[in-house]
N, C-alpha and C. Protein backbone atom coordinates (compact mmCIF):
# COMPACT_ATOMS: atom_id res chain seq x y z
N UNK A 1 -65.02 162.30 -99.68
CA UNK A 1 -65.38 161.18 -100.51
C UNK A 1 -65.12 159.88 -99.76
N UNK A 2 -66.05 158.97 -99.83
CA UNK A 2 -65.93 157.63 -99.25
C UNK A 2 -65.29 156.74 -100.31
N UNK A 3 -64.23 156.04 -99.92
CA UNK A 3 -63.52 155.20 -100.88
C UNK A 3 -63.42 153.76 -100.38
N UNK A 4 -63.48 152.86 -101.34
CA UNK A 4 -63.27 151.43 -101.07
C UNK A 4 -62.16 150.94 -101.97
N UNK A 5 -61.34 150.06 -101.43
CA UNK A 5 -60.36 149.33 -102.23
C UNK A 5 -60.66 147.85 -102.01
N UNK A 6 -60.98 147.16 -103.10
CA UNK A 6 -61.23 145.73 -103.04
C UNK A 6 -60.01 145.00 -103.56
N UNK A 7 -59.43 144.14 -102.73
CA UNK A 7 -58.28 143.34 -103.13
C UNK A 7 -58.79 142.03 -103.69
N UNK A 8 -58.54 141.79 -104.98
CA UNK A 8 -58.95 140.54 -105.63
C UNK A 8 -57.73 139.69 -105.92
N UNK A 9 -57.67 138.52 -105.31
CA UNK A 9 -56.56 137.59 -105.52
C UNK A 9 -56.60 136.93 -106.89
N UNK A 10 -57.80 136.78 -107.45
CA UNK A 10 -57.97 135.93 -108.63
C UNK A 10 -58.53 136.63 -109.86
N UNK A 11 -59.00 137.87 -109.74
CA UNK A 11 -59.62 138.57 -110.87
C UNK A 11 -58.67 138.70 -112.04
N UNK A 12 -59.13 138.32 -113.23
CA UNK A 12 -58.28 138.37 -114.44
C UNK A 12 -57.80 139.78 -114.69
N UNK A 13 -56.60 139.87 -115.24
CA UNK A 13 -55.99 141.17 -115.53
C UNK A 13 -55.95 141.45 -117.02
N UNK A 14 -56.77 140.74 -117.77
CA UNK A 14 -56.99 141.07 -119.18
C UNK A 14 -58.46 140.78 -119.48
N UNK A 15 -58.90 141.15 -120.67
CA UNK A 15 -60.30 140.95 -121.02
C UNK A 15 -60.61 139.61 -121.63
N UNK A 16 -59.70 138.66 -121.49
CA UNK A 16 -59.86 137.35 -122.11
C UNK A 16 -60.64 136.40 -121.20
N UNK A 17 -61.91 136.73 -120.96
CA UNK A 17 -62.78 135.84 -120.20
C UNK A 17 -64.18 135.89 -120.79
N UNK A 18 -64.91 134.82 -120.56
CA UNK A 18 -66.27 134.69 -121.07
C UNK A 18 -67.22 135.43 -120.15
N UNK A 19 -67.97 136.36 -120.70
CA UNK A 19 -68.92 137.15 -119.91
C UNK A 19 -69.99 136.27 -119.27
N UNK A 20 -70.21 135.07 -119.82
CA UNK A 20 -71.18 134.14 -119.26
C UNK A 20 -70.59 133.25 -118.17
N UNK A 21 -69.31 133.43 -117.86
CA UNK A 21 -68.66 132.66 -116.80
C UNK A 21 -67.79 133.58 -115.95
N UNK A 22 -68.41 134.59 -115.36
CA UNK A 22 -67.67 135.53 -114.51
C UNK A 22 -67.02 134.85 -113.30
N UNK A 23 -67.69 133.86 -112.65
CA UNK A 23 -67.05 133.22 -111.49
C UNK A 23 -65.82 132.39 -111.85
N UNK A 24 -65.89 131.62 -112.93
CA UNK A 24 -64.79 130.73 -113.30
C UNK A 24 -63.78 131.39 -114.21
N UNK A 25 -64.18 131.63 -115.43
CA UNK A 25 -63.29 132.20 -116.44
C UNK A 25 -62.80 133.60 -116.07
N UNK A 26 -63.65 134.36 -115.38
CA UNK A 26 -63.29 135.73 -114.99
C UNK A 26 -62.50 135.81 -113.69
N UNK A 27 -62.28 134.67 -113.03
CA UNK A 27 -61.52 134.70 -111.77
C UNK A 27 -62.30 135.38 -110.65
N UNK A 28 -63.57 135.03 -110.51
CA UNK A 28 -64.50 135.60 -109.52
C UNK A 28 -64.84 137.06 -109.83
N UNK A 29 -64.97 137.36 -111.12
CA UNK A 29 -65.40 138.68 -111.54
C UNK A 29 -66.83 138.96 -111.06
N UNK A 30 -67.61 137.92 -110.77
CA UNK A 30 -68.95 138.10 -110.22
C UNK A 30 -68.89 138.76 -108.85
N UNK A 31 -67.93 138.33 -108.03
CA UNK A 31 -67.72 138.91 -106.71
C UNK A 31 -67.34 140.39 -106.84
N UNK A 32 -66.49 140.68 -107.79
CA UNK A 32 -66.06 142.06 -108.04
C UNK A 32 -67.25 142.91 -108.47
N UNK A 33 -68.05 142.39 -109.39
CA UNK A 33 -69.21 143.13 -109.87
C UNK A 33 -70.19 143.42 -108.73
N UNK A 34 -70.46 142.43 -107.89
CA UNK A 34 -71.37 142.64 -106.76
C UNK A 34 -70.82 143.68 -105.79
N UNK A 35 -69.51 143.68 -105.59
CA UNK A 35 -68.90 144.66 -104.68
C UNK A 35 -68.98 146.07 -105.25
N UNK A 36 -68.80 146.21 -106.55
CA UNK A 36 -68.94 147.52 -107.20
C UNK A 36 -70.39 148.00 -107.04
N UNK A 37 -71.34 147.10 -107.27
CA UNK A 37 -72.75 147.46 -107.12
C UNK A 37 -73.05 147.89 -105.69
N UNK A 38 -72.57 147.13 -104.71
CA UNK A 38 -72.81 147.46 -103.30
C UNK A 38 -72.18 148.78 -102.90
N UNK A 39 -71.05 149.10 -103.52
CA UNK A 39 -70.36 150.35 -103.21
C UNK A 39 -71.10 151.56 -103.76
N UNK A 40 -71.52 151.46 -105.01
CA UNK A 40 -71.97 152.65 -105.74
C UNK A 40 -73.48 152.85 -105.82
N UNK A 41 -74.26 151.80 -105.73
CA UNK A 41 -75.69 151.96 -105.98
C UNK A 41 -76.53 151.86 -104.72
N UNK A 42 -77.51 152.74 -104.64
CA UNK A 42 -78.62 152.60 -103.71
C UNK A 42 -79.87 152.61 -104.58
N UNK A 43 -81.00 152.32 -104.03
CA UNK A 43 -82.21 152.16 -104.83
C UNK A 43 -82.44 153.35 -105.77
N UNK A 44 -82.31 153.07 -107.06
CA UNK A 44 -82.64 154.07 -108.07
C UNK A 44 -81.60 155.11 -108.38
N UNK A 45 -80.46 155.07 -107.72
CA UNK A 45 -79.45 156.09 -108.01
C UNK A 45 -78.04 155.62 -107.66
N UNK A 46 -77.08 156.37 -108.19
CA UNK A 46 -75.67 156.11 -107.93
C UNK A 46 -75.20 157.04 -106.82
N UNK A 47 -74.39 156.52 -105.93
CA UNK A 47 -73.79 157.35 -104.88
C UNK A 47 -72.68 158.20 -105.51
N UNK A 48 -72.89 159.48 -105.61
CA UNK A 48 -71.91 160.35 -106.27
C UNK A 48 -70.71 160.65 -105.37
N UNK A 49 -70.80 160.32 -104.09
CA UNK A 49 -69.73 160.61 -103.14
C UNK A 49 -68.89 159.37 -102.81
N UNK A 50 -68.97 158.34 -103.66
CA UNK A 50 -68.25 157.09 -103.40
C UNK A 50 -67.39 156.72 -104.61
N UNK A 51 -66.21 156.21 -104.29
CA UNK A 51 -65.29 155.70 -105.31
C UNK A 51 -64.85 154.31 -104.87
N UNK A 52 -64.80 153.38 -105.81
CA UNK A 52 -64.30 152.04 -105.50
C UNK A 52 -63.20 151.70 -106.50
N UNK A 53 -62.09 151.21 -105.95
CA UNK A 53 -60.97 150.76 -106.78
C UNK A 53 -60.78 149.27 -106.53
N UNK A 54 -60.70 148.52 -107.61
CA UNK A 54 -60.49 147.08 -107.52
C UNK A 54 -59.05 146.80 -107.94
N UNK A 55 -58.29 146.16 -107.05
CA UNK A 55 -56.91 145.77 -107.35
C UNK A 55 -56.92 144.30 -107.75
N UNK A 56 -56.78 144.06 -109.06
CA UNK A 56 -56.82 142.71 -109.62
C UNK A 56 -55.43 142.08 -109.58
N UNK A 57 -55.36 140.85 -109.07
CA UNK A 57 -54.07 140.17 -108.95
C UNK A 57 -54.06 138.78 -109.57
N UNK A 58 -55.00 138.53 -110.48
CA UNK A 58 -55.06 137.25 -111.17
C UNK A 58 -54.22 137.26 -112.43
N UNK A 59 -54.27 136.18 -113.19
CA UNK A 59 -53.49 136.08 -114.43
C UNK A 59 -54.08 136.99 -115.51
N UNK A 60 -53.32 137.36 -116.51
CA UNK A 60 -51.95 136.94 -116.78
C UNK A 60 -50.90 137.97 -116.36
N UNK A 61 -51.31 139.19 -115.98
CA UNK A 61 -50.32 140.26 -115.82
C UNK A 61 -50.65 141.18 -114.63
N UNK A 62 -50.62 140.65 -113.40
CA UNK A 62 -50.97 141.49 -112.25
C UNK A 62 -49.85 142.46 -111.89
N UNK A 63 -50.15 143.50 -111.18
CA UNK A 63 -51.49 143.94 -110.80
C UNK A 63 -52.08 144.88 -111.86
N UNK A 64 -53.39 144.93 -111.87
CA UNK A 64 -54.14 145.92 -112.64
C UNK A 64 -55.19 146.48 -111.69
N UNK A 65 -55.33 147.79 -111.67
CA UNK A 65 -56.36 148.41 -110.83
C UNK A 65 -57.39 149.10 -111.70
N UNK A 66 -58.64 148.98 -111.29
CA UNK A 66 -59.77 149.62 -111.97
C UNK A 66 -60.45 150.55 -110.99
N UNK A 67 -60.70 151.78 -111.41
CA UNK A 67 -61.33 152.77 -110.53
C UNK A 67 -62.70 153.17 -111.08
N UNK A 68 -63.71 153.07 -110.21
CA UNK A 68 -65.08 153.46 -110.53
C UNK A 68 -65.45 154.63 -109.62
N UNK A 69 -65.76 155.77 -110.18
CA UNK A 69 -66.14 156.94 -109.40
C UNK A 69 -67.62 157.21 -109.62
N UNK A 70 -68.40 157.17 -108.55
CA UNK A 70 -69.84 157.37 -108.66
C UNK A 70 -70.23 158.71 -109.24
N UNK A 71 -69.34 159.65 -109.21
CA UNK A 71 -69.62 160.99 -109.71
C UNK A 71 -69.62 161.06 -111.24
N UNK A 72 -68.96 160.09 -111.91
CA UNK A 72 -68.86 160.23 -113.36
C UNK A 72 -68.96 158.93 -114.17
N UNK A 73 -69.33 157.81 -113.55
CA UNK A 73 -69.47 156.59 -114.35
C UNK A 73 -70.66 156.73 -115.31
N UNK A 74 -70.54 156.07 -116.45
CA UNK A 74 -71.59 156.16 -117.46
C UNK A 74 -71.84 154.79 -118.08
N UNK A 75 -73.10 154.52 -118.38
CA UNK A 75 -73.45 153.33 -119.13
C UNK A 75 -73.53 152.04 -118.32
N UNK A 76 -73.15 152.07 -117.07
CA UNK A 76 -73.18 150.87 -116.24
C UNK A 76 -74.56 150.71 -115.62
N UNK A 77 -75.00 149.49 -115.52
CA UNK A 77 -76.25 149.16 -114.84
C UNK A 77 -75.89 148.35 -113.60
N UNK A 78 -76.74 148.41 -112.57
CA UNK A 78 -76.41 147.69 -111.33
C UNK A 78 -76.73 146.20 -111.40
N UNK A 79 -76.07 145.51 -112.35
CA UNK A 79 -76.18 144.05 -112.40
C UNK A 79 -74.83 143.47 -112.81
N UNK A 80 -74.58 142.24 -112.42
CA UNK A 80 -73.27 141.61 -112.63
C UNK A 80 -72.86 141.58 -114.09
N UNK A 81 -73.81 141.31 -114.96
CA UNK A 81 -73.48 141.19 -116.39
C UNK A 81 -73.03 142.53 -116.97
N UNK A 82 -73.72 143.60 -116.64
CA UNK A 82 -73.35 144.93 -117.13
C UNK A 82 -71.97 145.33 -116.61
N UNK A 83 -71.76 145.16 -115.31
CA UNK A 83 -70.46 145.52 -114.72
C UNK A 83 -69.37 144.64 -115.33
N UNK A 84 -69.63 143.33 -115.44
CA UNK A 84 -68.65 142.42 -116.04
C UNK A 84 -68.31 142.80 -117.47
N UNK A 85 -69.33 143.20 -118.24
CA UNK A 85 -69.11 143.63 -119.63
C UNK A 85 -68.17 144.83 -119.69
N UNK A 86 -68.42 145.84 -118.85
CA UNK A 86 -67.59 147.05 -118.89
C UNK A 86 -66.19 146.80 -118.35
N UNK A 87 -66.07 145.91 -117.36
CA UNK A 87 -64.74 145.54 -116.87
C UNK A 87 -63.96 144.85 -117.99
N UNK A 88 -64.60 143.90 -118.65
CA UNK A 88 -63.96 143.19 -119.77
C UNK A 88 -63.52 144.17 -120.84
N UNK A 89 -64.39 145.10 -121.20
CA UNK A 89 -64.08 146.09 -122.23
C UNK A 89 -62.89 146.96 -121.81
N UNK A 90 -62.87 147.37 -120.55
CA UNK A 90 -61.77 148.19 -120.04
C UNK A 90 -60.47 147.38 -120.00
N UNK A 91 -60.54 146.13 -119.54
CA UNK A 91 -59.35 145.29 -119.46
C UNK A 91 -58.76 144.95 -120.82
N UNK A 92 -59.55 145.06 -121.87
CA UNK A 92 -59.01 144.83 -123.22
C UNK A 92 -57.91 145.83 -123.56
N UNK A 93 -57.81 146.92 -122.81
CA UNK A 93 -56.77 147.93 -123.02
C UNK A 93 -55.58 147.74 -122.09
N UNK A 94 -55.58 146.68 -121.26
CA UNK A 94 -54.53 146.53 -120.25
C UNK A 94 -53.13 146.40 -120.85
N UNK A 95 -53.02 145.87 -122.05
CA UNK A 95 -51.69 145.71 -122.66
C UNK A 95 -51.15 147.03 -123.22
N UNK A 96 -51.95 148.09 -123.21
CA UNK A 96 -51.47 149.39 -123.69
C UNK A 96 -51.04 150.31 -122.56
N UNK A 97 -51.15 149.84 -121.31
CA UNK A 97 -50.81 150.69 -120.16
C UNK A 97 -49.32 150.96 -120.10
N UNK A 98 -49.00 152.20 -119.78
CA UNK A 98 -47.60 152.61 -119.62
C UNK A 98 -47.46 153.17 -118.22
N UNK A 99 -46.56 152.60 -117.44
CA UNK A 99 -46.35 153.09 -116.08
C UNK A 99 -47.59 152.90 -115.22
N UNK A 100 -47.71 153.76 -114.23
CA UNK A 100 -48.81 153.63 -113.28
C UNK A 100 -49.85 154.74 -113.40
N UNK A 101 -49.82 155.49 -114.48
CA UNK A 101 -50.81 156.55 -114.65
C UNK A 101 -52.18 155.96 -114.93
N UNK A 102 -53.22 156.67 -114.51
CA UNK A 102 -54.58 156.24 -114.78
C UNK A 102 -54.94 156.55 -116.22
N UNK A 103 -55.61 155.63 -116.87
CA UNK A 103 -56.06 155.78 -118.24
C UNK A 103 -57.58 155.58 -118.26
N UNK A 104 -58.26 156.23 -119.18
CA UNK A 104 -59.71 156.13 -119.29
C UNK A 104 -60.06 155.69 -120.71
N UNK A 105 -59.91 154.39 -121.03
CA UNK A 105 -60.00 153.95 -122.42
C UNK A 105 -61.41 153.77 -122.99
N UNK A 106 -62.44 153.77 -122.15
CA UNK A 106 -63.80 153.55 -122.65
C UNK A 106 -64.69 154.72 -122.25
N UNK A 107 -65.88 154.78 -122.83
CA UNK A 107 -66.79 155.87 -122.48
C UNK A 107 -67.55 155.62 -121.19
N UNK A 108 -67.21 154.56 -120.46
CA UNK A 108 -67.84 154.28 -119.16
C UNK A 108 -67.20 155.10 -118.04
N UNK A 109 -66.03 155.64 -118.30
CA UNK A 109 -65.22 156.36 -117.31
C UNK A 109 -64.64 155.46 -116.23
N UNK A 110 -64.55 154.16 -116.48
CA UNK A 110 -63.79 153.27 -115.60
C UNK A 110 -62.32 153.52 -115.93
N UNK A 111 -61.54 153.87 -114.92
CA UNK A 111 -60.12 154.12 -115.14
C UNK A 111 -59.32 152.85 -114.87
N UNK A 112 -58.19 152.73 -115.54
CA UNK A 112 -57.35 151.54 -115.43
C UNK A 112 -55.89 151.96 -115.25
N UNK A 113 -55.16 151.19 -114.43
CA UNK A 113 -53.76 151.50 -114.15
C UNK A 113 -53.02 150.22 -113.76
N UNK A 114 -51.70 150.28 -113.78
CA UNK A 114 -50.85 149.18 -113.32
C UNK A 114 -50.52 149.32 -111.83
N UNK A 115 -51.19 150.20 -111.12
CA UNK A 115 -50.88 150.41 -109.70
C UNK A 115 -51.21 149.16 -108.88
N UNK A 116 -50.33 148.88 -107.90
CA UNK A 116 -50.65 147.82 -106.95
C UNK A 116 -51.29 148.46 -105.71
N UNK A 117 -51.69 147.65 -104.77
CA UNK A 117 -52.46 148.17 -103.64
C UNK A 117 -51.69 149.21 -102.83
N UNK A 118 -50.39 149.05 -102.69
CA UNK A 118 -49.62 150.02 -101.90
C UNK A 118 -49.61 151.39 -102.56
N UNK A 119 -49.75 151.44 -103.88
CA UNK A 119 -49.78 152.71 -104.60
C UNK A 119 -51.17 153.34 -104.62
N UNK A 120 -52.16 152.62 -104.13
CA UNK A 120 -53.53 153.12 -104.12
C UNK A 120 -53.87 153.83 -102.81
N UNK A 121 -53.01 153.73 -101.82
CA UNK A 121 -53.29 154.28 -100.50
C UNK A 121 -52.98 155.77 -100.48
N UNK A 122 -53.99 156.62 -100.29
CA UNK A 122 -53.74 158.06 -100.24
C UNK A 122 -53.15 158.47 -98.89
N UNK A 123 -52.42 159.57 -98.89
CA UNK A 123 -51.82 160.08 -97.66
C UNK A 123 -52.79 160.91 -96.83
N UNK A 124 -53.81 161.45 -97.46
CA UNK A 124 -54.66 162.44 -96.79
C UNK A 124 -56.00 161.87 -96.33
N UNK A 125 -56.10 160.56 -96.19
CA UNK A 125 -57.34 159.95 -95.72
C UNK A 125 -57.07 158.91 -94.65
N UNK A 126 -58.10 158.62 -93.87
CA UNK A 126 -58.02 157.57 -92.85
C UNK A 126 -58.18 156.22 -93.54
N UNK A 127 -57.26 155.31 -93.30
CA UNK A 127 -57.27 154.00 -93.94
C UNK A 127 -57.76 152.97 -92.93
N UNK A 128 -58.81 152.23 -93.32
CA UNK A 128 -59.38 151.21 -92.45
C UNK A 128 -59.29 149.85 -93.15
N UNK A 129 -58.62 148.92 -92.50
CA UNK A 129 -58.48 147.56 -93.00
C UNK A 129 -59.55 146.72 -92.32
N UNK A 130 -60.44 146.14 -93.11
CA UNK A 130 -61.53 145.35 -92.54
C UNK A 130 -60.97 144.03 -92.02
N UNK A 131 -61.25 143.77 -90.73
CA UNK A 131 -60.72 142.59 -90.05
C UNK A 131 -61.69 142.22 -88.93
N UNK A 132 -62.13 140.97 -88.87
CA UNK A 132 -63.13 140.60 -87.87
C UNK A 132 -62.64 140.80 -86.43
N UNK A 133 -61.33 140.92 -86.24
CA UNK A 133 -60.77 141.14 -84.91
C UNK A 133 -60.47 142.61 -84.63
N UNK A 134 -60.84 143.49 -85.55
CA UNK A 134 -60.59 144.91 -85.38
C UNK A 134 -61.59 145.56 -84.44
N UNK A 135 -61.40 146.86 -84.21
CA UNK A 135 -62.33 147.64 -83.38
C UNK A 135 -63.69 147.71 -84.08
N UNK A 136 -64.76 147.67 -83.30
CA UNK A 136 -66.11 147.71 -83.87
C UNK A 136 -66.33 149.04 -84.60
N UNK A 137 -66.85 148.95 -85.81
CA UNK A 137 -67.04 150.13 -86.65
C UNK A 137 -67.95 151.17 -85.98
N UNK A 138 -68.93 150.71 -85.20
CA UNK A 138 -69.85 151.66 -84.57
C UNK A 138 -69.16 152.50 -83.50
N UNK A 139 -67.98 152.06 -83.03
CA UNK A 139 -67.24 152.81 -82.01
C UNK A 139 -66.17 153.73 -82.61
N UNK A 140 -66.07 153.75 -83.94
CA UNK A 140 -65.02 154.52 -84.60
C UNK A 140 -65.63 155.78 -85.21
N UNK A 141 -64.98 156.90 -84.96
CA UNK A 141 -65.41 158.17 -85.56
C UNK A 141 -64.81 158.23 -86.97
N UNK A 142 -65.61 157.89 -87.95
CA UNK A 142 -65.12 157.75 -89.32
C UNK A 142 -65.29 159.05 -90.09
N UNK A 143 -64.16 159.55 -90.60
CA UNK A 143 -64.16 160.75 -91.44
C UNK A 143 -63.22 160.53 -92.60
N UNK A 144 -63.66 160.92 -93.79
CA UNK A 144 -62.82 160.87 -94.99
C UNK A 144 -62.14 159.50 -95.14
N UNK A 145 -62.94 158.41 -95.18
CA UNK A 145 -62.38 157.06 -95.09
C UNK A 145 -62.00 156.41 -96.40
N UNK A 146 -61.04 155.49 -96.29
CA UNK A 146 -60.74 154.50 -97.31
C UNK A 146 -60.84 153.15 -96.61
N UNK A 147 -61.73 152.29 -97.10
CA UNK A 147 -61.92 150.96 -96.53
C UNK A 147 -61.28 149.93 -97.45
N UNK A 148 -60.42 149.09 -96.89
CA UNK A 148 -59.78 148.03 -97.67
C UNK A 148 -60.47 146.71 -97.33
N UNK A 149 -61.01 146.08 -98.37
CA UNK A 149 -61.81 144.87 -98.21
C UNK A 149 -61.17 143.76 -99.05
N UNK A 150 -61.11 142.56 -98.50
CA UNK A 150 -60.57 141.43 -99.24
C UNK A 150 -61.65 140.64 -99.95
N UNK A 151 -61.25 139.84 -100.91
CA UNK A 151 -62.19 138.98 -101.62
C UNK A 151 -62.41 137.68 -100.84
N UNK A 152 -62.90 136.64 -101.48
CA UNK A 152 -63.20 135.36 -100.83
C UNK A 152 -61.97 134.68 -100.25
N UNK A 153 -60.77 135.06 -100.71
CA UNK A 153 -59.53 134.49 -100.17
C UNK A 153 -58.89 135.39 -99.14
N UNK A 154 -59.43 136.58 -98.95
CA UNK A 154 -58.88 137.52 -97.99
C UNK A 154 -57.70 138.30 -98.56
N UNK A 155 -57.07 139.05 -97.71
CA UNK A 155 -55.91 139.85 -98.11
C UNK A 155 -54.67 139.09 -97.68
N UNK A 156 -53.72 138.86 -98.59
CA UNK A 156 -52.51 138.11 -98.24
C UNK A 156 -51.75 138.74 -97.07
N UNK A 157 -51.11 137.89 -96.26
CA UNK A 157 -50.36 138.37 -95.10
C UNK A 157 -49.31 139.41 -95.49
N UNK A 158 -48.61 139.19 -96.58
CA UNK A 158 -47.58 140.13 -97.03
C UNK A 158 -48.19 141.52 -97.27
N UNK A 159 -49.35 141.55 -97.87
CA UNK A 159 -50.03 142.82 -98.14
C UNK A 159 -50.51 143.45 -96.84
N UNK A 160 -51.05 142.64 -95.94
CA UNK A 160 -51.48 143.15 -94.63
C UNK A 160 -50.30 143.76 -93.88
N UNK A 161 -49.15 143.10 -93.96
CA UNK A 161 -47.95 143.62 -93.29
C UNK A 161 -47.54 144.97 -93.87
N UNK A 162 -47.67 145.14 -95.20
CA UNK A 162 -47.35 146.42 -95.83
C UNK A 162 -48.29 147.52 -95.36
N UNK A 163 -49.53 147.16 -95.07
CA UNK A 163 -50.55 148.15 -94.70
C UNK A 163 -50.62 148.41 -93.19
N UNK A 164 -49.91 147.59 -92.40
CA UNK A 164 -50.04 147.63 -90.95
C UNK A 164 -49.84 149.02 -90.35
N UNK A 165 -48.81 149.73 -90.76
CA UNK A 165 -48.52 151.04 -90.18
C UNK A 165 -49.31 152.18 -90.80
N UNK A 166 -50.03 151.88 -91.88
CA UNK A 166 -50.79 152.92 -92.58
C UNK A 166 -52.28 152.85 -92.30
N UNK A 167 -52.72 151.78 -91.62
CA UNK A 167 -54.16 151.55 -91.49
C UNK A 167 -54.54 151.16 -90.07
N UNK A 168 -55.84 151.25 -89.82
CA UNK A 168 -56.41 150.82 -88.55
C UNK A 168 -57.37 149.68 -88.86
N UNK A 169 -57.28 148.59 -88.08
CA UNK A 169 -58.18 147.46 -88.29
C UNK A 169 -59.53 147.77 -87.64
N UNK A 170 -60.60 147.62 -88.44
CA UNK A 170 -61.94 147.76 -87.89
C UNK A 170 -62.79 146.57 -88.34
N UNK A 171 -63.89 146.36 -87.62
CA UNK A 171 -64.72 145.18 -87.83
C UNK A 171 -66.19 145.56 -87.90
N UNK A 172 -66.95 144.80 -88.71
CA UNK A 172 -68.40 144.95 -88.71
C UNK A 172 -69.05 143.90 -87.82
N UNK A 173 -68.25 143.04 -87.21
CA UNK A 173 -68.77 142.02 -86.33
C UNK A 173 -67.85 140.82 -86.27
N UNK A 174 -68.21 139.82 -85.46
CA UNK A 174 -67.32 138.67 -85.24
C UNK A 174 -67.33 137.64 -86.37
N UNK A 175 -68.19 137.82 -87.36
CA UNK A 175 -68.26 136.88 -88.48
C UNK A 175 -67.65 137.49 -89.72
N UNK A 176 -67.23 136.62 -90.63
CA UNK A 176 -66.75 137.08 -91.93
C UNK A 176 -67.91 137.06 -92.91
N UNK A 177 -68.05 138.15 -93.65
CA UNK A 177 -69.12 138.29 -94.63
C UNK A 177 -68.52 138.34 -96.03
N UNK A 178 -69.37 138.17 -97.04
CA UNK A 178 -68.93 138.39 -98.42
C UNK A 178 -68.47 139.83 -98.55
N UNK A 179 -67.54 140.09 -99.46
CA UNK A 179 -67.04 141.45 -99.67
C UNK A 179 -68.19 142.42 -99.95
N UNK A 180 -69.12 142.03 -100.81
CA UNK A 180 -70.23 142.92 -101.15
C UNK A 180 -71.12 143.20 -99.94
N UNK A 181 -71.32 142.19 -99.09
CA UNK A 181 -72.11 142.39 -97.87
C UNK A 181 -71.39 143.31 -96.90
N UNK A 182 -70.09 143.14 -96.79
CA UNK A 182 -69.29 144.00 -95.92
C UNK A 182 -69.44 145.45 -96.34
N UNK A 183 -69.35 145.71 -97.63
CA UNK A 183 -69.48 147.07 -98.15
C UNK A 183 -70.87 147.63 -97.87
N UNK A 184 -71.90 146.83 -98.05
CA UNK A 184 -73.27 147.27 -97.76
C UNK A 184 -73.41 147.65 -96.29
N UNK A 185 -72.87 146.83 -95.40
CA UNK A 185 -72.95 147.11 -93.96
C UNK A 185 -72.18 148.38 -93.62
N UNK A 186 -71.00 148.56 -94.20
CA UNK A 186 -70.23 149.79 -93.95
C UNK A 186 -71.03 151.00 -94.42
N UNK A 187 -71.58 150.95 -95.63
CA UNK A 187 -72.37 152.07 -96.14
C UNK A 187 -73.54 152.38 -95.21
N UNK A 188 -74.21 151.34 -94.73
CA UNK A 188 -75.33 151.53 -93.81
C UNK A 188 -74.88 152.20 -92.51
N UNK A 189 -73.76 151.74 -91.95
CA UNK A 189 -73.26 152.33 -90.70
C UNK A 189 -72.93 153.82 -90.88
N UNK A 190 -72.30 154.15 -91.99
CA UNK A 190 -71.94 155.56 -92.24
C UNK A 190 -73.19 156.38 -92.54
N UNK A 191 -74.10 155.83 -93.34
CA UNK A 191 -75.33 156.56 -93.68
C UNK A 191 -76.15 156.89 -92.43
N UNK A 192 -76.15 155.99 -91.45
CA UNK A 192 -76.91 156.24 -90.21
C UNK A 192 -76.33 157.40 -89.41
N UNK A 193 -75.03 157.66 -89.59
CA UNK A 193 -74.38 158.74 -88.84
C UNK A 193 -74.50 160.10 -89.52
N UNK A 194 -74.94 160.09 -90.78
CA UNK A 194 -75.03 161.36 -91.54
C UNK A 194 -76.28 162.11 -91.13
């Protein structure tokens, strides 16, 4: 399974945001929605072999993680409003979370947890931290990957330091791209090798 972890510095951790203002009121929930779309959808279908987890670190109660698995999501459409709606609906249950177990409160199959990014890193997969100064992705033999992608503010230094010994830095090129574009380029690079 191909996995993505998107680190969001500003994404709200409750459902108290206006669906018509995903960039402002939602704490850049538009960016999150586009990244979920880029991860899971190709023309006319959902990638059943991809999972994306969004680690939200905005107000009022971070962290909250949301997991979207292409194999079982339901009711979502590949547009920002639909994704934003289901995120909002799922986050409305954030105050009922106990511990770090995954919960599935809606019929969309979006899972929710209090896990922070360090708790999302699996032991049995290759972890790749996206960094413009990393090794070029085309030169890396990628198998069973987890890609960690930052939002418009990037990944905080403290978090990068925590991930340093668990991950390898790789790059899609010398420029920084939007998170959703980065994910699209990664998917394209891997798809070409299949």
